[in-house]
Amino acid sequence: MPKFLVDESTGVRVAELLKELGYDTYSVTKEIRGAPDQVILNRAIREGRVIVTNDKEFASLALSYRAAGILLLRLTDERTDVKFRVVRRVLNEYPNRIEGSMIVATERRIRIRPI
């Protein structure tokens, strides 16, 4: 079962959802709000966490550092319920592809490639 690190750009509510679903989840917003990207990446890599973010640049940086996995939410509608729906869809449809992948998820489409 993957462990997650939820970036500030995604928000604390997604971190809470993942925790409620039984995942080991670290919330940047709750724990190290405002930390530099490098500090956040070091934590994710050290703990083998999949990064959940809405920040395309941060996702690219995480990719270059070989994070355990990246879930990049590229949503046109940033409401919490939309984030929940997209995250649940990834978890339900691709549970075995989350770790070791770069996943780009929109409201309509999910693209996955190995990292």
PDB file of N, CA and C in Angstrom:
ATOM      1  N   MET A   1       0.858  -1.184   0.000  1.00  0.00           N
ATOM      2  CA  MET A   1       0.000   0.000   0.000  1.00  0.00           C
ATOM      3  C   MET A   1       0.898   1.238   0.000  1.00  0.00           C
ATOM      4  N   PRO A   2       0.681   2.145  -0.937  1.00  0.00           N
ATOM      5  CA  PRO A   2       1.542   3.332  -1.006  1.00  0.00           C
ATOM      6  C   PRO A   2       1.352   4.264   0.192  1.00  0.00           C
ATOM      7  N   LYS A   3       2.419   4.974   0.489  1.00  0.00           N
ATOM      8  CA  LYS A   3       2.367   6.056   1.471  1.00  0.00           C
ATOM      9  C   LYS A   3       2.365   7.347   0.670  1.00  0.00           C
ATOM     10  N   PHE A   4       1.686   8.368   1.191  1.00  0.00           N
ATOM     11  CA  PHE A   4       1.538   9.614   0.441  1.00  0.00           C
ATOM     12  C   PHE A   4       2.096  10.812   1.195  1.00  0.00           C
ATOM     13  N   LEU A   5       2.543  11.789   0.427  1.00  0.00           N
ATOM     14  CA  LEU A   5       2.861  13.118   0.916  1.00  0.00           C
ATOM     15  C   LEU A   5       2.004  14.070   0.091  1.00  0.00           C
ATOM     16  N   VAL A   6       1.120  14.792   0.761  1.00  0.00           N
ATOM     17  CA  VAL A   6       0.208  15.707   0.066  1.00  0.00           C
ATOM     18  C   VAL A   6       0.748  17.121   0.190  1.00  0.00           C
ATOM     19  N   ASP A   7       1.055  17.703  -0.952  1.00  0.00           N
ATOM     20  CA  ASP A   7       1.625  19.038  -1.046  1.00  0.00           C
ATOM     21  C   ASP A   7       0.596  20.102  -0.647  1.00  0.00           C
ATOM     22  N   GLU A   8       1.100  21.272  -0.271  1.00  0.00           N
ATOM     23  CA  GLU A   8       0.217  22.391   0.087  1.00  0.00           C
ATOM     24  C   GLU A   8      -0.740  22.760  -1.033  1.00  0.00           C
ATOM     25  N   SER A   9      -0.288  22.658  -2.276  1.00  0.00           N
ATOM     26  CA  SER A   9      -1.131  23.054  -3.402  1.00  0.00           C
ATOM     27  C   SER A   9      -2.387  22.192  -3.522  1.00  0.00           C
ATOM     28  N   THR A  10      -2.307  20.991  -3.023  1.00  0.00           N
ATOM     29  CA  THR A  10      -3.452  20.069  -3.087  1.00  0.00           C
ATOM     30  C   THR A  10      -4.387  20.279  -1.906  1.00  0.00           C
ATOM     31  N   GLY A  11      -3.826  20.593  -0.768  1.00  0.00           N
ATOM     32  CA  GLY A  11      -4.646  20.933   0.388  1.00  0.00           C
ATOM     33  C   GLY A  11      -4.799  19.832   1.414  1.00  0.00           C
ATOM     34  N   VAL A  12      -5.130  20.265   2.600  1.00  0.00           N
ATOM     35  CA  VAL A  12      -5.233  19.374   3.745  1.00  0.00           C
ATOM     36  C   VAL A  12      -6.417  18.409   3.632  1.00  0.00           C
ATOM     37  N   ARG A  13      -7.460  18.796   2.940  1.00  0.00           N
ATOM     38  CA  ARG A  13      -8.643  17.931   2.846  1.00  0.00           C
ATOM     39  C   ARG A  13      -8.343  16.632   2.093  1.00  0.00           C
ATOM     40  N   VAL A  14      -7.505  16.706   1.066  1.00  0.00           N
ATOM     41  CA  VAL A  14      -7.119  15.493   0.343  1.00  0.00           C
ATOM     42  C   VAL A  14      -6.278  14.598   1.252  1.00  0.00           C
ATOM     43  N   ALA A  15      -5.389  15.192   2.033  1.00  0.00           N
ATOM     44  CA  ALA A  15      -4.601  14.415   2.994  1.00  0.00           C
ATOM     45  C   ALA A  15      -5.526  13.717   3.994  1.00  0.00           C
ATOM     46  N   GLU A  16      -6.531  14.429   4.462  1.00  0.00           N
ATOM     47  CA  GLU A  16      -7.483  13.837   5.407  1.00  0.00           C
ATOM     48  C   GLU A  16      -8.268  12.697   4.763  1.00  0.00           C
ATOM     49  N   LEU A  17      -8.648  12.863   3.499  1.00  0.00           N
ATOM     50  CA  LEU A  17      -9.345  11.787   2.780  1.00  0.00           C
ATOM     51  C   LEU A  17      -8.478  10.535   2.709  1.00  0.00           C
ATOM     52  N   LEU A  18      -7.227  10.702   2.323  1.00  0.00           N
ATOM     53  CA  LEU A  18      -6.331   9.558   2.215  1.00  0.00           C
ATOM     54  C   LEU A  18      -6.157   8.854   3.559  1.00  0.00           C
ATOM     55  N   LYS A  19      -6.036   9.644   4.624  1.00  0.00           N
ATOM     56  CA  LYS A  19      -5.932   9.052   5.964  1.00  0.00           C
ATOM     57  C   LYS A  19      -7.194   8.272   6.312  1.00  0.00           C
ATOM     58  N   GLU A  20      -8.351   8.852   6.008  1.00  0.00           N
ATOM     59  CA  GLU A  20      -9.621   8.172   6.273  1.00  0.00           C
ATOM     60  C   GLU A  20      -9.725   6.857   5.509  1.00  0.00           C
ATOM     61  N   LEU A  21      -9.115   6.798   4.336  1.00  0.00           N
ATOM     62  CA  LEU A  21      -9.139   5.581   3.524  1.00  0.00           C
ATOM     63  C   LEU A  21      -8.092   4.558   3.991  1.00  0.00           C
ATOM     64  N   GLY A  22      -7.327   4.915   5.017  1.00  0.00           N
ATOM     65  CA  GLY A  22      -6.374   3.981   5.604  1.00  0.00           C
ATOM     66  C   GLY A  22      -4.945   4.097   5.123  1.00  0.00           C
ATOM     67  N   TYR A  23      -4.642   5.138   4.364  1.00  0.00           N
ATOM     68  CA  TYR A  23      -3.283   5.326   3.862  1.00  0.00           C
ATOM     69  C   TYR A  23      -2.437   6.125   4.844  1.00  0.00           C
ATOM     70  N   ASP A  24      -1.176   5.750   4.948  1.00  0.00           N
ATOM     71  CA  ASP A  24      -0.192   6.512   5.717  1.00  0.00           C
ATOM     72  C   ASP A  24       0.047   7.791   4.912  1.00  0.00           C
ATOM     73  N   THR A  25      -0.373   8.923   5.467  1.00  0.00           N
ATOM     74  CA  THR A  25      -0.354  10.179   4.717  1.00  0.00           C
ATOM     75  C   THR A  25       0.281  11.288   5.529  1.00  0.00           C
ATOM     76  N   TYR A  26       1.177  12.018   4.890  1.00  0.00           N
ATOM     77  CA  TYR A  26       1.844  13.162   5.490  1.00  0.00           C
ATOM     78  C   TYR A  26       1.324  14.423   4.800  1.00  0.00           C
ATOM     79  N   SER A  27       0.832  15.366   5.591  1.00  0.00           N
ATOM     80  CA  SER A  27       0.299  16.616   5.058  1.00  0.00           C
ATOM     81  C   SER A  27       1.315  17.736   5.229  1.00  0.00           C
ATOM     82  N   VAL A  28       1.803  18.254   4.121  1.00  0.00           N
ATOM     83  CA  VAL A  28       2.749  19.371   4.176  1.00  0.00           C
ATOM     84  C   VAL A  28       2.086  20.568   4.856  1.00  0.00           C
ATOM     85  N   THR A  29       0.825  20.813   4.549  1.00  0.00           N
ATOM     86  CA  THR A  29       0.105  21.952   5.125  1.00  0.00           C
ATOM     87  C   THR A  29       0.085  21.881   6.648  1.00  0.00           C
ATOM     88  N   LYS A  30      -0.170  20.706   7.190  1.00  0.00           N
ATOM     89  CA  LYS A  30      -0.253  20.556   8.648  1.00  0.00           C
ATOM     90  C   LYS A  30       1.107  20.485   9.330  1.00  0.00           C
ATOM     91  N   GLU A  31       2.093  19.912   8.646  1.00  0.00           N
ATOM     92  CA  GLU A  31       3.365  19.612   9.308  1.00  0.00           C
ATOM     93  C   GLU A  31       4.492  20.609   9.032  1.00  0.00           C
ATOM     94  N   ILE A  32       4.660  21.023   7.781  1.00  0.00           N
ATOM     95  CA  ILE A  32       5.795  21.896   7.451  1.00  0.00           C
ATOM     96  C   ILE A  32       5.376  22.973   6.448  1.00  0.00           C
ATOM     97  N   ARG A  33       4.256  23.576   6.706  1.00  0.00           N
ATOM     98  CA  ARG A  33       3.704  24.608   5.818  1.00  0.00           C
ATOM     99  C   ARG A  33       4.776  25.646   5.457  1.00  0.00           C
ATOM    100  N   GLY A  34       4.866  25.970   4.187  1.00  0.00           N
ATOM    101  CA  GLY A  34       5.807  26.983   3.726  1.00  0.00           C
ATOM    102  C   GLY A  34       7.236  26.507   3.554  1.00  0.00           C
ATOM    103  N   ALA A  35       7.472  25.210   3.749  1.00  0.00           N
ATOM    104  CA  ALA A  35       8.834  24.678   3.616  1.00  0.00           C
ATOM    105  C   ALA A  35       9.299  24.756   2.161  1.00  0.00           C
ATOM    106  N   PRO A  36      10.594  24.911   1.956  1.00  0.00           N
ATOM    107  CA  PRO A  36      11.124  24.915   0.592  1.00  0.00           C
ATOM    108  C   PRO A  36      10.892  23.557  -0.089  1.00  0.00           C
ATOM    109  N   ASP A  37      10.780  23.608  -1.402  1.00  0.00           N
ATOM    110  CA  ASP A  37      10.540  22.381  -2.165  1.00  0.00           C
ATOM    111  C   ASP A  37      11.549  21.288  -1.843  1.00  0.00           C
ATOM    112  N   GLN A  38      12.808  21.658  -1.697  1.00  0.00           N
ATOM    113  CA  GLN A  38      13.847  20.662  -1.436  1.00  0.00           C
ATOM    114  C   GLN A  38      13.603  19.922  -0.117  1.00  0.00           C
ATOM    115  N   VAL A  39      13.153  20.611   0.902  1.00  0.00           N
ATOM    116  CA  VAL A  39      12.859  19.987   2.197  1.00  0.00           C
ATOM    117  C   VAL A  39      11.704  18.994   2.042  1.00  0.00           C
ATOM    118  N   ILE A  40      10.690  19.401   1.303  1.00  0.00           N
ATOM    119  CA  ILE A  40       9.530  18.540   1.071  1.00  0.00           C
ATOM    120  C   ILE A  40       9.947  17.301   0.275  1.00  0.00           C
ATOM    121  N   LEU A  41      10.718  17.506  -0.781  1.00  0.00           N
ATOM    122  CA  LEU A  41      11.182  16.381  -1.596  1.00  0.00           C
ATOM    123  C   LEU A  41      12.053  15.421  -0.798  1.00  0.00           C
ATOM    124  N   ASN A  42      12.956  15.956   0.006  1.00  0.00           N
ATOM    125  CA  ASN A  42      13.824  15.099   0.813  1.00  0.00           C
ATOM    126  C   ASN A  42      12.997  14.202   1.726  1.00  0.00           C
ATOM    127  N   ARG A  43      11.960  14.764   2.317  1.00  0.00           N
ATOM    128  CA  ARG A  43      11.109  13.972   3.208  1.00  0.00           C
ATOM    129  C   ARG A  43      10.404  12.864   2.428  1.00  0.00           C
ATOM    130  N   ALA A  44       9.820  13.219   1.291  1.00  0.00           N
ATOM    131  CA  ALA A  44       9.095  12.238   0.477  1.00  0.00           C
ATOM    132  C   ALA A  44      10.020  11.112   0.033  1.00  0.00           C
ATOM    133  N   ILE A  45      11.212  11.454  -0.407  1.00  0.00           N
ATOM    134  CA  ILE A  45      12.154  10.451  -0.890  1.00  0.00           C
ATOM    135  C   ILE A  45      12.659   9.584   0.262  1.00  0.00           C
ATOM    136  N   ARG A  46      13.015  10.213   1.368  1.00  0.00           N
ATOM    137  CA  ARG A  46      13.522   9.482   2.530  1.00  0.00           C
ATOM    138  C   ARG A  46      12.496   8.471   3.042  1.00  0.00           C
ATOM    139  N   GLU A  47      11.207   8.846   2.996  1.00  0.00           N
ATOM    140  CA  GLU A  47      10.153   7.986   3.539  1.00  0.00           C
ATOM    141  C   GLU A  47       9.445   7.155   2.467  1.00  0.00           C
ATOM    142  N   GLY A  48       9.888   7.266   1.218  1.00  0.00           N
ATOM    143  CA  GLY A  48       9.291   6.476   0.144  1.00  0.00           C
ATOM    144  C   GLY A  48       7.834   6.822  -0.124  1.00  0.00           C
ATOM    145  N   ARG A  49       7.524   8.118  -0.076  1.00  0.00           N
ATOM    146  CA  ARG A  49       6.137   8.567  -0.246  1.00  0.00           C
ATOM    147  C   ARG A  49       5.842   9.024  -1.669  1.00  0.00           C
ATOM    148  N   VAL A  50       4.644   8.702  -2.121  1.00  0.00           N
ATOM    149  CA  VAL A  50       4.140   9.196  -3.394  1.00  0.00           C
ATOM    150  C   VAL A  50       3.672  10.628  -3.162  1.00  0.00           C
ATOM    151  N   ILE A  51       4.100  11.532  -3.999  1.00  0.00           N
ATOM    152  CA  ILE A  51       3.751  12.946  -3.863  1.00  0.00           C
ATOM    153  C   ILE A  51       2.449  13.225  -4.595  1.00  0.00           C
ATOM    154  N   VAL A  52       1.521  13.865  -3.901  1.00  0.00           N
ATOM    155  CA  VAL A  52       0.265  14.310  -4.502  1.00  0.00           C
ATOM    156  C   VAL A  52       0.330  15.832  -4.561  1.00  0.00           C
ATOM    157  N   THR A  53       0.221  16.378  -5.764  1.00  0.00           N
ATOM    158  CA  THR A  53       0.374  17.819  -5.934  1.00  0.00           C
ATOM    159  C   THR A  53      -0.485  18.336  -7.081  1.00  0.00           C
ATOM    160  N   ASN A  54      -0.746  19.626  -7.047  1.00  0.00           N
ATOM    161  CA  ASN A  54      -1.404  20.323  -8.156  1.00  0.00           C
ATOM    162  C   ASN A  54      -0.392  21.207  -8.887  1.00  0.00           C
ATOM    163  N   ASP A  55       0.823  21.240  -8.406  1.00  0.00           N
ATOM    164  CA  ASP A  55       1.873  22.128  -8.895  1.00  0.00           C
ATOM    165  C   ASP A  55       2.727  21.413  -9.938  1.00  0.00           C
ATOM    166  N   LYS A  56       2.567  21.782 -11.187  1.00  0.00           N
ATOM    167  CA  LYS A  56       3.266  21.134 -12.292  1.00  0.00           C
ATOM    168  C   LYS A  56       4.784  21.257 -12.151  1.00  0.00           C
ATOM    169  N   GLU A  57       5.265  22.411 -11.749  1.00  0.00           N
ATOM    170  CA  GLU A  57       6.713  22.603 -11.589  1.00  0.00           C
ATOM    171  C   GLU A  57       7.271  21.735 -10.468  1.00  0.00           C
ATOM    172  N   PHE A  58       6.527  21.637  -9.356  1.00  0.00           N
ATOM    173  CA  PHE A  58       6.966  20.788  -8.251  1.00  0.00           C
ATOM    174  C   PHE A  58       6.978  19.322  -8.686  1.00  0.00           C
ATOM    175  N   ALA A  59       5.988  18.915  -9.461  1.00  0.00           N
ATOM    176  CA  ALA A  59       5.938  17.540  -9.965  1.00  0.00           C
ATOM    177  C   ALA A  59       7.147  17.246 -10.852  1.00  0.00           C
ATOM    178  N   SER A  60       7.526  18.199 -11.686  1.00  0.00           N
ATOM    179  CA  SER A  60       8.699  18.026 -12.553  1.00  0.00           C
ATOM    180  C   SER A  60       9.973  17.892 -11.720  1.00  0.00           C
ATOM    181  N   LEU A  61      10.076  18.691 -10.691  1.00  0.00           N
ATOM    182  CA  LEU A  61      11.228  18.609  -9.798  1.00  0.00           C
ATOM    183  C   LEU A  61      11.255  17.253  -9.098  1.00  0.00           C
ATOM    184  N   ALA A  62      10.109  16.802  -8.614  1.00  0.00           N
ATOM    185  CA  ALA A  62      10.015  15.500  -7.943  1.00  0.00           C
ATOM    186  C   ALA A  62      10.404  14.375  -8.895  1.00  0.00           C
ATOM    187  N   LEU A  63      10.026  14.511 -10.135  1.00  0.00           N
ATOM    188  CA  LEU A  63      10.365  13.516 -11.148  1.00  0.00           C
ATOM    189  C   LEU A  63      11.874  13.435 -11.330  1.00  0.00           C
ATOM    190  N   SER A  64      12.533  14.585 -11.366  1.00  0.00           N
ATOM    191  CA  SER A  64      13.987  14.594 -11.545  1.00  0.00           C
ATOM    192  C   SER A  64      14.721  14.009 -10.334  1.00  0.00           C
ATOM    193  N   TYR A  65      14.084  14.037  -9.167  1.00  0.00           N
ATOM    194  CA  TYR A  65      14.694  13.484  -7.959  1.00  0.00           C
ATOM    195  C   TYR A  65      14.282  12.036  -7.714  1.00  0.00           C
ATOM    196  N   ARG A  66      13.512  11.479  -8.639  1.00  0.00           N
ATOM    197  CA  ARG A  66      13.088  10.075  -8.563  1.00  0.00           C
ATOM    198  C   ARG A  66      12.278   9.769  -7.307  1.00  0.00           C
ATOM    199  N   ALA A  67      11.222  10.517  -7.106  1.00  0.00           N
ATOM    200  CA  ALA A  67      10.301  10.248  -6.005  1.00  0.00           C
ATOM    201  C   ALA A  67       9.680   8.869  -6.198  1.00  0.00           C
ATOM    202  N   ALA A  68       9.115   8.311  -5.132  1.00  0.00           N
ATOM    203  CA  ALA A  68       8.503   6.976  -5.182  1.00  0.00           C
ATOM    204  C   ALA A  68       7.348   6.924  -6.172  1.00  0.00           C
ATOM    205  N   GLY A  69       6.755   8.062  -6.420  1.00  0.00           N
ATOM    206  CA  GLY A  69       5.647   8.193  -7.355  1.00  0.00           C
ATOM    207  C   GLY A  69       5.123   9.611  -7.277  1.00  0.00           C
ATOM    208  N   ILE A  70       4.396  10.015  -8.302  1.00  0.00           N
ATOM    209  CA  ILE A  70       3.842  11.370  -8.338  1.00  0.00           C
ATOM    210  C   ILE A  70       2.434  11.293  -8.892  1.00  0.00           C
ATOM    211  N   LEU A  71       1.511  11.901  -8.180  1.00  0.00           N
ATOM    212  CA  LEU A  71       0.146  12.071  -8.671  1.00  0.00           C
ATOM    213  C   LEU A  71      -0.067  13.566  -8.852  1.00  0.00           C
ATOM    214  N   LEU A  72      -0.081  13.990 -10.095  1.00  0.00           N
ATOM    215  CA  LEU A  72      -0.263  15.392 -10.430  1.00  0.00           C
ATOM    216  C   LEU A  72      -1.716  15.610 -10.832  1.00  0.00           C
ATOM    217  N   LEU A  73      -2.412  16.429 -10.051  1.00  0.00           N
ATOM    218  CA  LEU A  73      -3.802  16.760 -10.344  1.00  0.00           C
ATOM    219  C   LEU A  73      -3.833  18.011 -11.209  1.00  0.00           C
ATOM    220  N   ARG A  74      -4.277  17.862 -12.435  1.00  0.00           N
ATOM    221  CA  ARG A  74      -4.366  18.986 -13.385  1.00  0.00           C
ATOM    222  C   ARG A  74      -5.847  19.255 -13.622  1.00  0.00           C
ATOM    223  N   LEU A  75      -6.458  19.931 -12.681  1.00  0.00           N
ATOM    224  CA  LEU A  75      -7.904  20.116 -12.687  1.00  0.00           C
ATOM    225  C   LEU A  75      -8.287  21.522 -13.127  1.00  0.00           C
ATOM    226  N   THR A  76      -9.340  21.607 -13.911  1.00  0.00           N
ATOM    227  CA  THR A  76      -9.875  22.923 -14.248  1.00  0.00           C
ATOM    228  C   THR A  76     -10.804  23.400 -13.144  1.00  0.00           C
ATOM    229  N   ASP A  77     -11.375  22.461 -12.412  1.00  0.00           N
ATOM    230  CA  ASP A  77     -12.260  22.755 -11.278  1.00  0.00           C
ATOM    231  C   ASP A  77     -11.552  22.285 -10.010  1.00  0.00           C
ATOM    232  N   GLU A  78     -11.087  23.218  -9.200  1.00  0.00           N
ATOM    233  CA  GLU A  78     -10.276  22.910  -8.016  1.00  0.00           C
ATOM    234  C   GLU A  78     -11.084  22.672  -6.739  1.00  0.00           C
ATOM    235  N   ARG A  79     -12.383  22.521  -6.861  1.00  0.00           N
ATOM    236  CA  ARG A  79     -13.193  22.269  -5.659  1.00  0.00           C
ATOM    237  C   ARG A  79     -12.790  20.947  -5.014  1.00  0.00           C
ATOM    238  N   THR A  80     -12.941  20.880  -3.711  1.00  0.00           N
ATOM    239  CA  THR A  80     -12.546  19.704  -2.951  1.00  0.00           C
ATOM    240  C   THR A  80     -13.243  18.441  -3.436  1.00  0.00           C
ATOM    241  N   ASP A  81     -14.531  18.515  -3.726  1.00  0.00           N
ATOM    242  CA  ASP A  81     -15.243  17.308  -4.150  1.00  0.00           C
ATOM    243  C   ASP A  81     -14.701  16.775  -5.475  1.00  0.00           C
ATOM    244  N   VAL A  82     -14.232  17.649  -6.336  1.00  0.00           N
ATOM    245  CA  VAL A  82     -13.637  17.213  -7.608  1.00  0.00           C
ATOM    246  C   VAL A  82     -12.295  16.527  -7.330  1.00  0.00           C
ATOM    247  N   LYS A  83     -11.484  17.120  -6.461  1.00  0.00           N
ATOM    248  CA  LYS A  83     -10.214  16.488  -6.088  1.00  0.00           C
ATOM    249  C   LYS A  83     -10.462  15.104  -5.503  1.00  0.00           C
ATOM    250  N   PHE A  84     -11.452  15.003  -4.611  1.00  0.00           N
ATOM    251  CA  PHE A  84     -11.787  13.716  -4.000  1.00  0.00           C
ATOM    252  C   PHE A  84     -12.145  12.693  -5.073  1.00  0.00           C
ATOM    253  N   ARG A  85     -12.991  13.077  -6.006  1.00  0.00           N
ATOM    254  CA  ARG A  85     -13.450  12.158  -7.043  1.00  0.00           C
ATOM    255  C   ARG A  85     -12.279  11.659  -7.895  1.00  0.00           C
ATOM    256  N   VAL A  86     -11.388  12.564  -8.274  1.00  0.00           N
ATOM    257  CA  VAL A  86     -10.256  12.187  -9.122  1.00  0.00           C
ATOM    258  C   VAL A  86      -9.276  11.301  -8.349  1.00  0.00           C
ATOM    259  N   VAL A  87      -8.970  11.654  -7.106  1.00  0.00           N
ATOM    260  CA  VAL A  87      -8.056  10.845  -6.298  1.00  0.00           C
ATOM    261  C   VAL A  87      -8.645   9.449  -6.072  1.00  0.00           C
ATOM    262  N   ARG A  88      -9.909   9.370  -5.729  1.00  0.00           N
ATOM    263  CA  ARG A  88     -10.560   8.062  -5.536  1.00  0.00           C
ATOM    264  C   ARG A  88     -10.503   7.227  -6.815  1.00  0.00           C
ATOM    265  N   ARG A  89     -10.705   7.874  -7.941  1.00  0.00           N
ATOM    266  CA  ARG A  89     -10.670   7.150  -9.216  1.00  0.00           C
ATOM    267  C   ARG A  89      -9.288   6.541  -9.452  1.00  0.00           C
ATOM    268  N   VAL A  90      -8.248   7.306  -9.205  1.00  0.00           N
ATOM    269  CA  VAL A  90      -6.887   6.779  -9.362  1.00  0.00           C
ATOM    270  C   VAL A  90      -6.670   5.602  -8.416  1.00  0.00           C
ATOM    271  N   LEU A  91      -7.055   5.764  -7.162  1.00  0.00           N
ATOM    272  CA  LEU A  91      -6.868   4.700  -6.176  1.00  0.00           C
ATOM    273  C   LEU A  91      -7.638   3.439  -6.544  1.00  0.00           C
ATOM    274  N   ASN A  92      -8.846   3.604  -7.028  1.00  0.00           N
ATOM    275  CA  ASN A  92      -9.693   2.452  -7.348  1.00  0.00           C
ATOM    276  C   ASN A  92      -9.301   1.763  -8.651  1.00  0.00           C
ATOM    277  N   GLU A  93      -8.945   2.545  -9.661  1.00  0.00           N
ATOM    278  CA  GLU A  93      -8.680   1.971 -10.975  1.00  0.00           C
ATOM    279  C   GLU A  93      -7.232   1.554 -11.199  1.00  0.00           C
ATOM    280  N   TYR A  94      -6.305   2.162 -10.468  1.00  0.00           N
ATOM    281  CA  TYR A  94      -4.884   1.887 -10.710  1.00  0.00           C
ATOM    282  C   TYR A  94      -4.104   1.660  -9.411  1.00  0.00           C
ATOM    283  N   PRO A  95      -4.612   0.877  -8.489  1.00  0.00           N
ATOM    284  CA  PRO A  95      -3.937   0.741  -7.194  1.00  0.00           C
ATOM    285  C   PRO A  95      -2.514   0.194  -7.277  1.00  0.00           C
ATOM    286  N   ASN A  96      -2.241  -0.629  -8.267  1.00  0.00           N
ATOM    287  CA  ASN A  96      -0.913  -1.235  -8.384  1.00  0.00           C
ATOM    288  C   ASN A  96       0.050  -0.443  -9.256  1.00  0.00           C
ATOM    289  N   ARG A  97      -0.400   0.698  -9.751  1.00  0.00           N
ATOM    290  CA  ARG A  97       0.467   1.498 -10.627  1.00  0.00           C
ATOM    291  C   ARG A  97       0.829   2.850 -10.006  1.00  0.00           C
ATOM    292  N   ILE A  98       0.393   3.092  -8.778  1.00  0.00           N
ATOM    293  CA  ILE A  98       0.636   4.393  -8.142  1.00  0.00           C
ATOM    294  C   ILE A  98       2.114   4.566  -7.807  1.00  0.00           C
ATOM    295  N   GLU A  99       2.691   3.568  -7.170  1.00  0.00           N
ATOM    296  CA  GLU A  99       4.116   3.642  -6.850  1.00  0.00           C
ATOM    297  C   GLU A  99       4.918   3.380  -8.123  1.00  0.00           C
ATOM    298  N   GLY A 100       5.967   4.154  -8.302  1.00  0.00           N
ATOM    299  CA  GLY A 100       6.830   3.979  -9.463  1.00  0.00           C
ATOM    300  C   GLY A 100       6.298   4.603 -10.737  1.00  0.00           C
ATOM    301  N   SER A 101       5.288   5.467 -10.602  1.00  0.00           N
ATOM    302  CA  SER A 101       4.682   6.083 -11.789  1.00  0.00           C
ATOM    303  C   SER A 101       4.517   7.581 -11.620  1.00  0.00           C
ATOM    304  N   MET A 102       4.473   8.227 -12.768  1.00  0.00           N
ATOM    305  CA  MET A 102       4.045   9.622 -12.852  1.00  0.00           C
ATOM    306  C   MET A 102       2.627   9.553 -13.388  1.00  0.00           C
ATOM    307  N   ILE A 103       1.677   9.980 -12.568  1.00  0.00           N
ATOM    308  CA  ILE A 103       0.272   9.943 -12.952  1.00  0.00           C
ATOM    309  C   ILE A 103      -0.220  11.378 -13.084  1.00  0.00           C
ATOM    310  N   VAL A 104      -0.770  11.686 -14.226  1.00  0.00           N
ATOM    311  CA  VAL A 104      -1.367  12.998 -14.463  1.00  0.00           C
ATOM    312  C   VAL A 104      -2.864  12.756 -14.600  1.00  0.00           C
ATOM    313  N   ALA A 105      -3.629  13.341 -13.684  1.00  0.00           N
ATOM    314  CA  ALA A 105      -5.066  13.095 -13.655  1.00  0.00           C
ATOM    315  C   ALA A 105      -5.844  14.394 -13.824  1.00  0.00           C
ATOM    316  N   THR A 106      -6.788  14.357 -14.748  1.00  0.00           N
ATOM    317  CA  THR A 106      -7.719  15.465 -14.945  1.00  0.00           C
ATOM    318  C   THR A 106      -9.112  14.945 -14.592  1.00  0.00           C
ATOM    319  N   GLU A 107     -10.095  15.796 -14.752  1.00  0.00           N
ATOM    320  CA  GLU A 107     -11.460  15.366 -14.483  1.00  0.00           C
ATOM    321  C   GLU A 107     -11.900  14.243 -15.424  1.00  0.00           C
ATOM    322  N   ARG A 108     -11.318  14.191 -16.611  1.00  0.00           N
ATOM    323  CA  ARG A 108     -11.764  13.233 -17.630  1.00  0.00           C
ATOM    324  C   ARG A 108     -10.768  12.134 -17.965  1.00  0.00           C
ATOM    325  N   ARG A 109      -9.508  12.347 -17.643  1.00  0.00           N
ATOM    326  CA  ARG A 109      -8.481  11.456 -18.160  1.00  0.00           C
ATOM    327  C   ARG A 109      -7.389  11.197 -17.136  1.00  0.00           C
ATOM    328  N   ILE A 110      -6.816  10.005 -17.211  1.00  0.00           N
ATOM    329  CA  ILE A 110      -5.672   9.660 -16.361  1.00  0.00           C
ATOM    330  C   ILE A 110      -4.584   9.106 -17.277  1.00  0.00           C
ATOM    331  N   ARG A 111      -3.401   9.705 -17.187  1.00  0.00           N
ATOM    332  CA  ARG A 111      -2.241   9.235 -17.950  1.00  0.00           C
ATOM    333  C   ARG A 111      -1.204   8.735 -16.959  1.00  0.00           C
ATOM    334  N   ILE A 112      -0.625   7.594 -17.267  1.00  0.00           N
ATOM    335  CA  ILE A 112       0.353   6.979 -16.372  1.00  0.00           C
ATOM    336  C   ILE A 112       1.588   6.587 -17.175  1.00  0.00           C
ATOM    337  N   ARG A 113       2.743   6.938 -16.607  1.00  0.00           N
ATOM    338  CA  ARG A 113       3.988   6.455 -17.202  1.00  0.00           C
ATOM    339  C   ARG A 113       4.954   6.107 -16.078  1.00  0.00           C
ATOM    340  N   PRO A 114       5.736   5.062 -16.281  1.00  0.00           N
ATOM    341  CA  PRO A 114       6.708   4.666 -15.258  1.00  0.00           C
ATOM    342  C   PRO A 114       7.797   5.716 -15.083  1.00  0.00           C
ATOM    343  N   ILE A 115       8.327   5.785 -13.875  1.00  0.00           N
ATOM    344  CA  ILE A 115       9.444   6.706 -13.618  1.00  0.00           C
ATOM    345  C   ILE A 115      10.679   5.915 -13.197  1.00  0.00           C
TER     346      ILE A 115
END
